[in-house]
Amino acid sequence: VIAVVPDGPGGRAMTPVLDALRQRGADVCAV
C-alpha cells in the first residue's frame, strides 16, 4: 500500500487508516 500523508488535516485523517493497515500486516510505503 502506498499512502500519501500530507502535513495538515488530510494527513491527520489518515491516522486510523494507517493503524488499520499496520494491524493487517501490510507493507506500507509512506509518501
PDB file of all heavy atoms in Angstrom:
ATOM      1  N   VAL A   1       0.853  -1.179   0.000  1.00  0.00           N
ATOM      2  CA  VAL A   1       0.000   0.000   0.000  1.00  0.00           C
ATOM      3  C   VAL A   1       0.894   1.235   0.000  1.00  0.00           C
ATOM      4  O   VAL A   1       1.785   1.362   0.841  1.00  0.00           O
ATOM      5  CB  VAL A   1      -0.928   0.039   1.232  1.00  0.00           C
ATOM      6  CG1 VAL A   1      -1.761   1.326   1.230  1.00  0.00           C
ATOM      7  CG2 VAL A   1      -1.832  -1.181   1.256  1.00  0.00           C
ATOM      8  N   ILE A   2       0.663   2.124  -0.955  1.00  0.00           N
ATOM      9  CA  ILE A   2       1.346   3.415  -0.968  1.00  0.00           C
ATOM     10  C   ILE A   2       0.370   4.438  -0.411  1.00  0.00           C
ATOM     11  O   ILE A   2      -0.706   4.656  -0.963  1.00  0.00           O
ATOM     12  CB  ILE A   2       1.786   3.803  -2.386  1.00  0.00           C
ATOM     13  CG1 ILE A   2       2.800   2.779  -2.917  1.00  0.00           C
ATOM     14  CG2 ILE A   2       2.389   5.202  -2.396  1.00  0.00           C
ATOM     15  CD1 ILE A   2       3.235   3.031  -4.355  1.00  0.00           C
ATOM     16  N   ALA A   3       0.753   5.042   0.710  1.00  0.00           N
ATOM     17  CA  ALA A   3      -0.114   6.003   1.405  1.00  0.00           C
ATOM     18  C   ALA A   3       0.509   7.394   1.319  1.00  0.00           C
ATOM     19  O   ALA A   3       1.653   7.594   1.734  1.00  0.00           O
ATOM     20  CB  ALA A   3      -0.290   5.595   2.863  1.00  0.00           C
ATOM     21  N   VAL A   4      -0.242   8.335   0.774  1.00  0.00           N
ATOM     22  CA  VAL A   4       0.222   9.718   0.669  1.00  0.00           C
ATOM     23  C   VAL A   4      -0.283  10.469   1.902  1.00  0.00           C
ATOM     24  O   VAL A   4      -1.497  10.565   2.119  1.00  0.00           O
ATOM     25  CB  VAL A   4      -0.281  10.387  -0.622  1.00  0.00           C
ATOM     26  CG1 VAL A   4       0.357  11.760  -0.784  1.00  0.00           C
ATOM     27  CG2 VAL A   4       0.025   9.513  -1.835  1.00  0.00           C
ATOM     28  N   VAL A   5       0.652  10.966   2.702  1.00  0.00           N
ATOM     29  CA  VAL A   5       0.303  11.551   4.002  1.00  0.00           C
ATOM     30  C   VAL A   5       0.832  12.983   4.056  1.00  0.00           C
ATOM     31  O   VAL A   5       2.022  13.204   4.277  1.00  0.00           O
ATOM     32  CB  VAL A   5       0.899  10.721   5.157  1.00  0.00           C
ATOM     33  CG1 VAL A   5       0.411  11.265   6.496  1.00  0.00           C
ATOM     34  CG2 VAL A   5       0.542   9.247   5.015  1.00  0.00           C
ATOM     35  N   PRO A   6      -0.022  13.974   3.876  1.00  0.00           N
ATOM     36  CA  PRO A   6       0.431  15.361   3.930  1.00  0.00           C
ATOM     37  C   PRO A   6       0.487  15.879   5.363  1.00  0.00           C
ATOM     38  O   PRO A   6      -0.050  15.258   6.286  1.00  0.00           O
ATOM     39  CB  PRO A   6      -0.652  16.098   3.144  1.00  0.00           C
ATOM     40  CG  PRO A   6      -1.894  15.310   3.440  1.00  0.00           C
ATOM     41  CD  PRO A   6      -1.449  13.866   3.523  1.00  0.00           C
ATOM     42  N   ASP A   7       1.123  17.005   5.525  1.00  0.00           N
ATOM     43  CA  ASP A   7       1.166  17.688   6.814  1.00  0.00           C
ATOM     44  C   ASP A   7      -0.036  18.628   6.879  1.00  0.00           C
ATOM     45  O   ASP A   7      -0.047  19.691   6.267  1.00  0.00           O
ATOM     46  CB  ASP A   7       2.475  18.478   6.938  1.00  0.00           C
ATOM     47  CG  ASP A   7       2.650  19.085   8.326  1.00  0.00           C
ATOM     48  OD1 ASP A   7       1.785  18.852   9.189  1.00  0.00           O
ATOM     49  OD2 ASP A   7       3.644  19.799   8.533  1.00  0.00           O
ATOM     50  N   GLY A   8      -1.081  18.210   7.594  1.00  0.00           N
ATOM     51  CA  GLY A   8      -2.298  19.006   7.667  1.00  0.00           C
ATOM     52  C   GLY A   8      -3.483  18.135   8.010  1.00  0.00           C
ATOM     53  O   GLY A   8      -3.324  16.961   8.367  1.00  0.00           O
ATOM     54  N   PRO A   9      -4.697  18.660   7.895  1.00  0.00           N
ATOM     55  CA  PRO A   9      -5.897  17.889   8.246  1.00  0.00           C
ATOM     56  C   PRO A   9      -6.025  16.588   7.468  1.00  0.00           C
ATOM     57  O   PRO A   9      -6.442  15.567   8.024  1.00  0.00           O
ATOM     58  CB  PRO A   9      -7.048  18.854   7.897  1.00  0.00           C
ATOM     59  CG  PRO A   9      -6.445  20.215   8.019  1.00  0.00           C
ATOM     60  CD  PRO A   9      -5.026  20.070   7.571  1.00  0.00           C
ATOM     61  N   GLY A  10      -5.666  16.603   6.181  1.00  0.00           N
ATOM     62  CA  GLY A  10      -5.753  15.377   5.391  1.00  0.00           C
ATOM     63  C   GLY A  10      -4.827  14.298   5.908  1.00  0.00           C
ATOM     64  O   GLY A  10      -5.177  13.117   5.923  1.00  0.00           O
ATOM     65  N   GLY A  11      -3.638  14.705   6.357  1.00  0.00           N
ATOM     66  CA  GLY A  11      -2.699  13.750   6.923  1.00  0.00           C
ATOM     67  C   GLY A  11      -3.180  13.196   8.244  1.00  0.00           C
ATOM     68  O   GLY A  11      -3.056  11.987   8.509  1.00  0.00           O
ATOM     69  N   ARG A  12      -3.751  14.075   9.071  1.00  0.00           N
ATOM     70  CA  ARG A  12      -4.269  13.608  10.360  1.00  0.00           C
ATOM     71  C   ARG A  12      -5.436  12.650  10.168  1.00  0.00           C
ATOM     72  O   ARG A  12      -5.613  11.696  10.951  1.00  0.00           O
ATOM     73  CB  ARG A  12      -4.682  14.800  11.230  1.00  0.00           C
ATOM     74  CG  ARG A  12      -3.484  15.649  11.682  1.00  0.00           C
ATOM     75  CD  ARG A  12      -3.875  16.642  12.736  1.00  0.00           C
ATOM     76  NE  ARG A  12      -4.724  17.715  12.235  1.00  0.00           N
ATOM     77  CZ  ARG A  12      -4.286  18.830  11.672  1.00  0.00           C
ATOM     78  NH1 ARG A  12      -2.980  19.009  11.490  1.00  0.00           N
ATOM     79  NH2 ARG A  12      -5.114  19.771  11.261  1.00  0.00           N
ATOM     80  N   ALA A  13      -6.222  12.869   9.129  1.00  0.00           N
ATOM     81  CA  ALA A  13      -7.342  11.972   8.840  1.00  0.00           C
ATOM     82  C   ALA A  13      -6.867  10.597   8.386  1.00  0.00           C
ATOM     83  O   ALA A  13      -7.652   9.633   8.383  1.00  0.00           O
ATOM     84  CB  ALA A  13      -8.246  12.587   7.772  1.00  0.00           C
ATOM     85  N   MET A  14      -5.605  10.477   8.027  1.00  0.00           N
ATOM     86  CA  MET A  14      -5.042   9.192   7.605  1.00  0.00           C
ATOM     87  C   MET A  14      -4.668   8.306   8.793  1.00  0.00           C
ATOM     88  O   MET A  14      -4.431   7.104   8.607  1.00  0.00           O
ATOM     89  CB  MET A  14      -3.787   9.427   6.758  1.00  0.00           C
ATOM     90  CG  MET A  14      -4.054  10.017   5.381  1.00  0.00           C
ATOM     91  SD  MET A  14      -4.833   8.840   4.262  1.00  0.00           S
ATOM     92  CE  MET A  14      -3.494   7.653   4.032  1.00  0.00           C
ATOM     93  N   THR A  15      -4.604   8.848   9.994  1.00  0.00           N
ATOM     94  CA  THR A  15      -4.106   8.100  11.150  1.00  0.00           C
ATOM     95  C   THR A  15      -4.841   6.780  11.373  1.00  0.00           C
ATOM     96  O   THR A  15      -4.207   5.720  11.503  1.00  0.00           O
ATOM     97  CB  THR A  15      -4.145   8.967  12.411  1.00  0.00           C
ATOM     98  OG1 THR A  15      -3.314  10.112  12.208  1.00  0.00           O
ATOM     99  CG2 THR A  15      -3.648   8.193  13.626  1.00  0.00           C
ATOM    100  N   PRO A  16      -6.179   6.766  11.443  1.00  0.00           N
ATOM    101  CA  PRO A  16      -6.849   5.474  11.669  1.00  0.00           C
ATOM    102  C   PRO A  16      -6.657   4.493  10.526  1.00  0.00           C
ATOM    103  O   PRO A  16      -6.655   3.271  10.743  1.00  0.00           O
ATOM    104  CB  PRO A  16      -8.330   5.863  11.827  1.00  0.00           C
ATOM    105  CG  PRO A  16      -8.452   7.210  11.205  1.00  0.00           C
ATOM    106  CD  PRO A  16      -7.139   7.885  11.418  1.00  0.00           C
ATOM    107  N   VAL A  17      -6.483   5.004   9.325  1.00  0.00           N
ATOM    108  CA  VAL A  17      -6.260   4.130   8.173  1.00  0.00           C
ATOM    109  C   VAL A  17      -4.883   3.476   8.273  1.00  0.00           C
ATOM    110  O   VAL A  17      -4.737   2.268   8.052  1.00  0.00           O
ATOM    111  CB  VAL A  17      -6.384   4.937   6.866  1.00  0.00           C
ATOM    112  CG1 VAL A  17      -6.192   4.027   5.658  1.00  0.00           C
ATOM    113  CG2 VAL A  17      -7.740   5.620   6.794  1.00  0.00           C
ATOM    114  N   LEU A  18      -3.880   4.261   8.624  1.00  0.00           N
ATOM    115  CA  LEU A  18      -2.536   3.709   8.793  1.00  0.00           C
ATOM    116  C   LEU A  18      -2.511   2.684   9.925  1.00  0.00           C
ATOM    117  O   LEU A  18      -1.829   1.655   9.829  1.00  0.00           O
ATOM    118  CB  LEU A  18      -1.543   4.838   9.055  1.00  0.00           C
ATOM    119  CG  LEU A  18      -1.330   5.810   7.887  1.00  0.00           C
ATOM    120  CD1 LEU A  18      -0.481   7.001   8.331  1.00  0.00           C
ATOM    121  CD2 LEU A  18      -0.676   5.118   6.709  1.00  0.00           C
ATOM    122  N   ASP A  19      -3.283   2.955  10.974  1.00  0.00           N
ATOM    123  CA  ASP A  19      -3.382   1.981  12.073  1.00  0.00           C
ATOM    124  C   ASP A  19      -3.990   0.676  11.585  1.00  0.00           C
ATOM    125  O   ASP A  19      -3.512  -0.424  11.919  1.00  0.00           O
ATOM    126  CB  ASP A  19      -4.233   2.551  13.206  1.00  0.00           C
ATOM    127  CG  ASP A  19      -3.535   3.679  13.960  1.00  0.00           C
ATOM    128  OD1 ASP A  19      -2.298   3.817  13.816  1.00  0.00           O
ATOM    129  OD2 ASP A  19      -4.225   4.432  14.675  1.00  0.00           O
ATOM    130  N   ALA A  20      -5.051   0.777  10.785  1.00  0.00           N
ATOM    131  CA  ALA A  20      -5.716  -0.426  10.277  1.00  0.00           C
ATOM    132  C   ALA A  20      -4.787  -1.206   9.349  1.00  0.00           C
ATOM    133  O   ALA A  20      -4.762  -2.447   9.370  1.00  0.00           O
ATOM    134  CB  ALA A  20      -7.000  -0.043   9.540  1.00  0.00           C
ATOM    135  N   LEU A  21      -4.025  -0.510   8.540  1.00  0.00           N
ATOM    136  CA  LEU A  21      -3.085  -1.179   7.641  1.00  0.00           C
ATOM    137  C   LEU A  21      -1.995  -1.891   8.433  1.00  0.00           C
ATOM    138  O   LEU A  21      -1.596  -3.017   8.098  1.00  0.00           O
ATOM    139  CB  LEU A  21      -2.459  -0.159   6.690  1.00  0.00           C
ATOM    140  CG  LEU A  21      -3.403   0.461   5.649  1.00  0.00           C
ATOM    141  CD1 LEU A  21      -2.705   1.590   4.908  1.00  0.00           C
ATOM    142  CD2 LEU A  21      -3.900  -0.591   4.671  1.00  0.00           C
ATOM    143  N   ARG A  22      -1.511  -1.257   9.489  1.00  0.00           N
ATOM    144  CA  ARG A  22      -0.482  -1.885  10.327  1.00  0.00           C
ATOM    145  C   ARG A  22      -1.022  -3.152  10.981  1.00  0.00           C
ATOM    146  O   ARG A  22      -0.344  -4.173  11.055  1.00  0.00           O
ATOM    147  CB  ARG A  22       0.007  -0.885  11.379  1.00  0.00           C
ATOM    148  CG  ARG A  22       1.170  -1.422  12.230  1.00  0.00           C
ATOM    149  CD  ARG A  22       1.781  -0.355  13.105  1.00  0.00           C
ATOM    150  NE  ARG A  22       0.815   0.235  14.012  1.00  0.00           N
ATOM    151  CZ  ARG A  22       0.333   1.477  13.885  1.00  0.00           C
ATOM    152  NH1 ARG A  22       0.728   2.250  12.893  1.00  0.00           N
ATOM    153  NH2 ARG A  22      -0.545   1.946  14.752  1.00  0.00           N
ATOM    154  N   GLN A  23      -2.288  -3.095  11.434  1.00  0.00           N
ATOM    155  CA  GLN A  23      -2.888  -4.267  12.072  1.00  0.00           C
ATOM    156  C   GLN A  23      -3.028  -5.433  11.101  1.00  0.00           C
ATOM    157  O   GLN A  23      -3.021  -6.594  11.516  1.00  0.00           O
ATOM    158  CB  GLN A  23      -4.255  -3.893  12.650  1.00  0.00           C
ATOM    159  CG  GLN A  23      -4.175  -2.952  13.846  1.00  0.00           C
ATOM    160  CD  GLN A  23      -5.521  -2.343  14.193  1.00  0.00           C
ATOM    161  OE1 GLN A  23      -6.562  -2.783  13.693  1.00  0.00           O
ATOM    162  NE2 GLN A  23      -5.521  -1.336  15.064  1.00  0.00           N
ATOM    163  N   ARG A  24      -3.142  -5.128   9.811  1.00  0.00           N
ATOM    164  CA  ARG A  24      -3.270  -6.188   8.810  1.00  0.00           C
ATOM    165  C   ARG A  24      -1.906  -6.674   8.316  1.00  0.00           C
ATOM    166  O   ARG A  24      -1.841  -7.528   7.435  1.00  0.00           O
ATOM    167  CB  ARG A  24      -4.104  -5.689   7.616  1.00  0.00           C
ATOM    168  CG  ARG A  24      -5.553  -5.365   7.980  1.00  0.00           C
ATOM    169  CD  ARG A  24      -6.362  -5.038   6.738  1.00  0.00           C
ATOM    170  NE  ARG A  24      -6.507  -6.221   5.874  1.00  0.00           N
ATOM    171  CZ  ARG A  24      -7.414  -7.163   6.040  1.00  0.00           C
ATOM    172  NH1 ARG A  24      -8.264  -7.087   7.051  1.00  0.00           N
ATOM    173  NH2 ARG A  24      -7.489  -8.179   5.202  1.00  0.00           N
ATOM    174  N   GLY A  25      -0.853  -6.112   8.859  1.00  0.00           N
ATOM    175  CA  GLY A  25       0.486  -6.530   8.450  1.00  0.00           C
ATOM    176  C   GLY A  25       0.870  -6.065   7.068  1.00  0.00           C
ATOM    177  O   GLY A  25       1.731  -6.671   6.412  1.00  0.00           O
ATOM    178  N   ALA A  26       0.261  -4.977   6.599  1.00  0.00           N
ATOM    179  CA  ALA A  26       0.513  -4.503   5.241  1.00  0.00           C
ATOM    180  C   ALA A  26       1.917  -3.908   5.119  1.00  0.00           C
ATOM    181  O   ALA A  26       2.454  -3.316   6.062  1.00  0.00           O
ATOM    182  CB  ALA A  26      -0.525  -3.453   4.857  1.00  0.00           C
ATOM    183  N   ASP A  27       2.485  -4.068   3.945  1.00  0.00           N
ATOM    184  CA  ASP A  27       3.730  -3.397   3.580  1.00  0.00           C
ATOM    185  C   ASP A  27       3.340  -1.995   3.101  1.00  0.00           C
ATOM    186  O   ASP A  27       2.752  -1.836   2.033  1.00  0.00           O
ATOM    187  CB  ASP A  27       4.424  -4.185   2.459  1.00  0.00           C
ATOM    188  CG  ASP A  27       5.778  -3.594   2.064  1.00  0.00           C
ATOM    189  OD1 ASP A  27       5.881  -2.364   1.895  1.00  0.00           O
ATOM    190  OD2 ASP A  27       6.724  -4.374   1.915  1.00  0.00           O
ATOM    191  N   VAL A  28       3.642  -0.977   3.912  1.00  0.00           N
ATOM    192  CA  VAL A  28       3.189   0.386   3.633  1.00  0.00           C
ATOM    193  C   VAL A  28       4.364   1.275   3.246  1.00  0.00           C
ATOM    194  O   VAL A  28       5.345   1.377   3.989  1.00  0.00           O
ATOM    195  CB  VAL A  28       2.458   0.995   4.840  1.00  0.00           C
ATOM    196  CG1 VAL A  28       2.055   2.443   4.549  1.00  0.00           C
ATOM    197  CG2 VAL A  28       1.231   0.166   5.200  1.00  0.00           C
ATOM    198  N   CYS A  29       4.241   1.895   2.094  1.00  0.00           N
ATOM    199  CA  CYS A  29       5.189   2.927   1.672  1.00  0.00           C
ATOM    200  C   CYS A  29       4.527   4.276   1.892  1.00  0.00           C
ATOM    201  O   CYS A  29       3.506   4.578   1.269  1.00  0.00           O
ATOM    202  CB  CYS A  29       5.559   2.758   0.202  1.00  0.00           C
ATOM    203  SG  CYS A  29       6.581   4.101  -0.445  1.00  0.00           S
ATOM    204  N   ALA A  30       5.077   5.084   2.793  1.00  0.00           N
ATOM    205  CA  ALA A  30       4.518   6.401   3.075  1.00  0.00           C
ATOM    206  C   ALA A  30       5.197   7.449   2.207  1.00  0.00           C
ATOM    207  O   ALA A  30       6.425   7.534   2.159  1.00  0.00           O
ATOM    208  CB  ALA A  30       4.710   6.752   4.547  1.00  0.00           C
ATOM    209  N   VAL A  31       4.396   8.227   1.508  1.00  0.00           N
ATOM    210  CA  VAL A  31       4.884   9.386   0.768  1.00  0.00           C
ATOM    211  C   VAL A  31       4.565  10.583   1.650  1.00  0.00           C
ATOM    212  O   VAL A  31       3.421  11.042   1.710  1.00  0.00           O
ATOM    213  CB  VAL A  31       4.194   9.500  -0.606  1.00  0.00           C
ATOM    214  CG1 VAL A  31       4.742  10.675  -1.393  1.00  0.00           C
ATOM    215  CG2 VAL A  31       4.356   8.196  -1.382  1.00  0.00           C
TER     216      VAL A  31
END
